[in-house]
Amino acid sequence: MKVVNVLLGGPTNLWPDHLLINKKSETWIGVDRGSLRLIENGIKPAIAIGDFDSLKKNELELVQAKVDNISYFDPIKDYTDSQLGIKVADEQFNADVINVYGATGGRLDHFFTNFLMFLSSEFKTIAPKVRIIDLQNDIRYFLPGSYTLNKINDKKYLAFIPLNEMNITLNDEKYTLDDYHVNYPISFSSNEFVGNVGHFNFDNGLLCVIQSND
């Protein structure tokens, strides 16, 4: 599978430990300030993208000097910088897996935009490829079907958050559900792994699943 990493401009305090050191040889897309942070850590982004409105003049000049492929967008546009980065990973780099870092821990308007962007019909097809990752959470999106979920490290807590009305079955998690009707947007399941594997299925819409160690 082709993995592409997208580094957004969000806070660095929730990055996984040694993130950039461990993934220096992988493909990176830098989004806005994320481009600068990659360069500062010795990583040349495959592409830098965004409106770069968070960069000072000298910081933008450094990005321009170090990156061969830059896509500039006006601050007033249909998509956020985060959405643009994910679209580029999918459409230009044909990614099978898109790991997104820096999407959490910052401004709430930024986080909710990142979290809810996949409700758009255009982004629903991309959603199953995306993982939003930080120190505490692994956030993924699923289209209707049956799935096996493997526990990631010590992340034993689960949240099943429906983004549409649906019926959901949780077979072997701590709190099981059998074809349970979820009345979007006010229902969700706060759950927990019993072992190292969980199973679930649902019949409609888009489901967000979060594994957490807290």
Protein backbone atom coordinates (compact mmCIF):
# COMPACT_ATOMS: atom_id res chain seq x y z
CA MET A 1 0.00 0.00 0.00
CA LYS A 2 1.17 3.50 -0.77
CA VAL A 3 1.28 5.63 2.38
CA VAL A 4 1.34 9.41 2.18
CA ASN A 5 1.76 11.59 5.27
CA VAL A 6 0.11 15.00 5.49
CA LEU A 7 1.50 17.45 8.04
CA LEU A 8 -0.87 20.28 8.88
CA GLY A 9 0.00 23.49 10.64
CA GLY A 10 -1.58 22.57 13.98
CA PRO A 11 0.16 22.40 17.37
CA THR A 12 3.14 20.09 17.76
CA ASN A 13 2.49 18.99 21.36
CA LEU A 14 0.19 16.13 20.31
CA TRP A 15 2.43 14.73 17.59
CA PRO A 16 3.44 11.09 18.13
CA ASP A 17 6.89 10.82 19.71
CA HIS A 18 9.79 11.05 17.24
CA LEU A 19 7.30 11.36 14.38
CA LEU A 20 9.52 13.14 11.86
CA ILE A 21 12.68 11.24 12.79
CA ASN A 22 10.96 7.88 12.32
CA LYS A 23 9.32 8.77 9.03
CA LYS A 24 11.99 10.80 7.25
CA SER A 25 12.14 8.39 4.30
CA GLU A 26 8.38 8.45 3.69
CA THR A 27 6.36 10.68 1.37
CA TRP A 28 5.24 13.94 2.99
CA ILE A 29 2.85 16.69 1.96
CA GLY A 30 3.36 19.92 3.87
CA VAL A 31 0.28 22.05 4.44
CA ASP A 32 0.87 25.73 5.26
CA ARG A 33 3.08 25.84 8.40
CA GLY A 34 3.46 22.08 8.17
CA SER A 35 5.75 22.66 5.17
CA LEU A 36 8.07 24.83 7.24
CA ARG A 37 8.17 22.30 10.08
CA LEU A 38 9.15 19.52 7.69
CA ILE A 39 11.99 21.60 6.28
CA GLU A 40 13.18 22.53 9.77
CA ASN A 41 13.42 18.81 10.53
CA GLY A 42 15.40 17.95 7.42
CA ILE A 43 12.48 16.60 5.37
CA LYS A 44 11.82 17.90 1.87
CA PRO A 45 8.06 17.79 1.20
CA ALA A 46 6.99 16.20 -2.05
CA ILE A 47 4.70 19.20 -2.32
CA ALA A 48 3.92 22.24 -0.19
CA ILE A 49 0.34 23.43 -0.36
CA GLY A 50 -1.86 26.14 1.11
CA ASP A 51 -2.39 29.88 1.37
CA PHE A 52 0.66 30.18 3.69
CA ASP A 53 -1.04 32.99 5.58
CA SER A 54 0.46 31.78 8.86
CA LEU A 55 4.06 32.18 7.66
CA LYS A 56 6.20 35.26 8.00
CA LYS A 57 7.93 36.56 4.90
CA ASN A 58 11.30 34.98 5.74
CA GLU A 59 9.62 31.65 6.59
CA LEU A 60 7.79 31.57 3.27
CA GLU A 61 11.02 32.41 1.47
CA LEU A 62 12.68 29.42 3.15
CA VAL A 63 9.88 27.13 1.94
CA GLN A 64 10.17 28.57 -1.56
CA ALA A 65 13.93 27.99 -1.56
CA LYS A 66 13.74 24.39 -0.33
CA VAL A 67 10.64 22.93 -2.02
CA ASP A 68 10.46 22.27 -5.76
CA ASN A 69 6.71 21.77 -5.98
CA ILE A 70 4.48 24.40 -4.34
CA SER A 71 0.75 24.98 -4.87
CA TYR A 72 -0.51 28.38 -3.76
CA PHE A 73 -4.15 29.06 -2.92
CA ASP A 74 -5.97 32.24 -2.03
CA PRO A 75 -7.03 32.45 1.64
CA ILE A 76 -10.64 32.85 0.43
CA LYS A 77 -11.47 29.52 -1.20
CA ASP A 78 -13.96 26.67 -1.21
CA TYR A 79 -11.70 24.27 0.70
CA THR A 80 -9.55 24.62 3.78
CA ASP A 81 -5.81 23.98 3.51
CA SER A 82 -6.33 20.67 5.30
CA GLN A 83 -8.87 19.52 2.73
CA LEU A 84 -6.57 20.54 -0.10
CA GLY A 85 -3.70 18.51 1.35
CA ILE A 86 -5.84 15.39 1.67
CA LYS A 87 -7.24 15.81 -1.86
CA VAL A 88 -3.71 16.11 -3.25
CA ALA A 89 -2.62 12.95 -1.38
CA ASP A 90 -5.54 11.09 -2.94
CA GLU A 91 -5.67 12.53 -6.45
CA GLN A 92 -2.04 13.36 -7.28
CA PHE A 93 -0.20 10.75 -5.20
CA ASN A 94 -2.78 7.94 -5.46
CA ALA A 95 -2.38 7.16 -1.77
CA ASP A 96 -3.90 4.01 -0.31
CA VAL A 97 -3.39 5.32 3.23
CA ILE A 98 -3.33 9.01 4.18
CA ASN A 99 -1.89 9.70 7.63
CA VAL A 100 -2.81 13.17 8.86
CA TYR A 101 -0.82 14.79 11.67
CA GLY A 102 -1.40 18.14 13.35
CA ALA A 103 -5.20 18.10 12.95
CA THR A 104 -5.98 18.03 16.67
CA GLY A 105 -5.20 20.00 19.81
CA GLY A 106 -5.57 23.47 18.32
CA ARG A 107 -8.42 25.84 17.59
CA LEU A 108 -11.84 24.21 17.84
CA ASP A 109 -13.00 25.66 14.52
CA HIS A 110 -10.00 24.04 12.82
CA PHE A 111 -10.54 20.70 14.54
CA PHE A 112 -14.25 20.48 13.74
CA THR A 113 -13.61 21.42 10.14
CA ASN A 114 -11.02 18.65 9.90
CA PHE A 115 -13.32 16.18 11.68
CA LEU A 116 -16.46 16.92 9.65
CA MET A 117 -14.97 17.51 6.20
CA PHE A 118 -15.79 13.94 5.18
CA LEU A 119 -19.53 14.60 5.28
CA SER A 120 -19.11 16.18 1.86
CA SER A 121 -20.07 13.71 -0.87
CA GLU A 122 -16.75 14.38 -2.58
CA PHE A 123 -14.76 13.50 0.52
CA LYS A 124 -16.76 10.40 1.50
CA THR A 125 -14.87 8.39 -1.12
CA ILE A 126 -11.55 9.52 0.39
CA ALA A 127 -12.61 9.01 4.02
CA PRO A 128 -11.72 5.27 4.33
CA LYS A 129 -8.10 6.06 3.39
CA VAL A 130 -7.60 8.67 6.11
CA ARG A 131 -6.20 8.26 9.63
CA ILE A 132 -5.96 11.33 11.85
CA ILE A 133 -3.25 10.49 14.36
CA ASP A 134 -1.96 12.10 17.54
CA LEU A 135 -0.42 10.89 20.80
CA GLN A 136 -3.76 9.89 22.30
CA ASN A 137 -6.06 9.12 19.38
CA ASP A 138 -6.30 7.24 16.12
CA ILE A 139 -9.31 8.53 14.18
CA ARG A 140 -10.64 6.64 11.17
CA TYR A 141 -13.72 6.74 8.95
CA PHE A 142 -15.71 3.84 7.53
CA LEU A 143 -18.32 3.39 4.81
CA PRO A 144 -21.16 0.85 5.34
CA GLY A 145 -20.05 -2.75 5.78
CA SER A 146 -18.59 -5.26 8.23
CA TYR A 147 -15.17 -4.63 9.77
CA THR A 148 -12.56 -6.10 12.06
CA LEU A 149 -10.80 -3.55 14.24
CA ASN A 150 -7.36 -4.32 15.67
CA LYS A 151 -6.30 -2.69 18.91
CA ILE A 152 -3.44 -0.23 18.39
CA ASN A 153 -0.81 -0.39 21.14
CA ASP A 154 -2.40 0.67 24.44
CA LYS A 155 -5.38 2.44 22.87
CA LYS A 156 -8.10 0.32 24.49
CA TYR A 157 -10.91 2.88 24.53
CA LEU A 158 -13.27 3.18 21.58
CA ALA A 159 -15.78 5.71 20.37
CA PHE A 160 -18.23 5.00 17.56
CA ILE A 161 -19.57 8.30 16.27
CA PRO A 162 -22.22 8.15 13.51
CA LEU A 163 -22.14 10.96 11.00
CA ASN A 164 -25.51 9.88 9.57
CA GLU A 165 -28.56 8.02 10.83
CA MET A 166 -27.78 4.27 10.82
CA ASN A 167 -28.19 0.85 12.40
CA ILE A 168 -25.01 -0.42 14.05
CA THR A 169 -23.94 -3.78 15.49
CA LEU A 170 -20.99 -4.13 17.88
CA ASN A 171 -20.33 -7.82 18.36
CA ASP A 172 -17.60 -8.24 20.95
CA GLU A 173 -16.71 -4.88 22.45
CA LYS A 174 -17.39 -4.25 26.14
CA TYR A 175 -20.83 -2.79 25.43
CA THR A 176 -22.46 -4.74 22.62
CA LEU A 177 -25.16 -3.45 20.31
CA ASP A 178 -27.39 -5.55 18.03
CA ASP A 179 -28.69 -3.71 14.98
CA TYR A 180 -29.08 -0.64 17.17
CA HIS A 181 -30.72 2.36 15.52
CA VAL A 182 -28.69 5.53 15.94
CA ASN A 183 -30.64 8.77 15.77
CA TYR A 184 -28.03 11.10 14.26
CA PRO A 185 -26.59 13.43 15.52
CA ILE A 186 -27.22 12.80 19.22
CA SER A 187 -26.23 9.13 19.65
CA PHE A 188 -22.84 7.51 19.94
CA SER A 189 -21.20 4.58 21.69
CA SER A 190 -18.38 5.09 24.16
CA ASN A 191 -16.86 1.64 24.26
CA GLU A 192 -13.81 -0.46 25.04
CA PHE A 193 -11.84 -3.39 23.64
CA VAL A 194 -12.36 -6.66 25.51
CA GLY A 195 -9.40 -8.33 23.79
CA ASN A 196 -7.17 -7.13 20.97
CA VAL A 197 -9.78 -7.36 18.22
CA GLY A 198 -13.26 -5.91 17.83
CA HIS A 199 -15.92 -6.33 15.16
CA PHE A 200 -18.64 -4.00 13.97
CA ASN A 201 -20.99 -3.43 11.08
CA PHE A 202 -23.44 -0.75 10.02
CA ASP A 203 -25.82 -0.17 7.14
CA ASN A 204 -25.77 3.45 6.08
CA GLY A 205 -23.82 6.70 5.90
CA LEU A 206 -20.41 7.31 7.42
CA LEU A 207 -19.05 6.15 10.77
CA CYS A 208 -16.14 7.68 12.68
CA VAL A 209 -14.24 5.30 14.97
CA ILE A 210 -11.72 6.62 17.50
CA GLN A 211 -9.24 4.51 19.39
CA SER A 212 -7.87 6.31 22.43
CA ASN A 213 -5.50 5.61 25.30
CA ASP A 214 -7.23 8.05 27.64
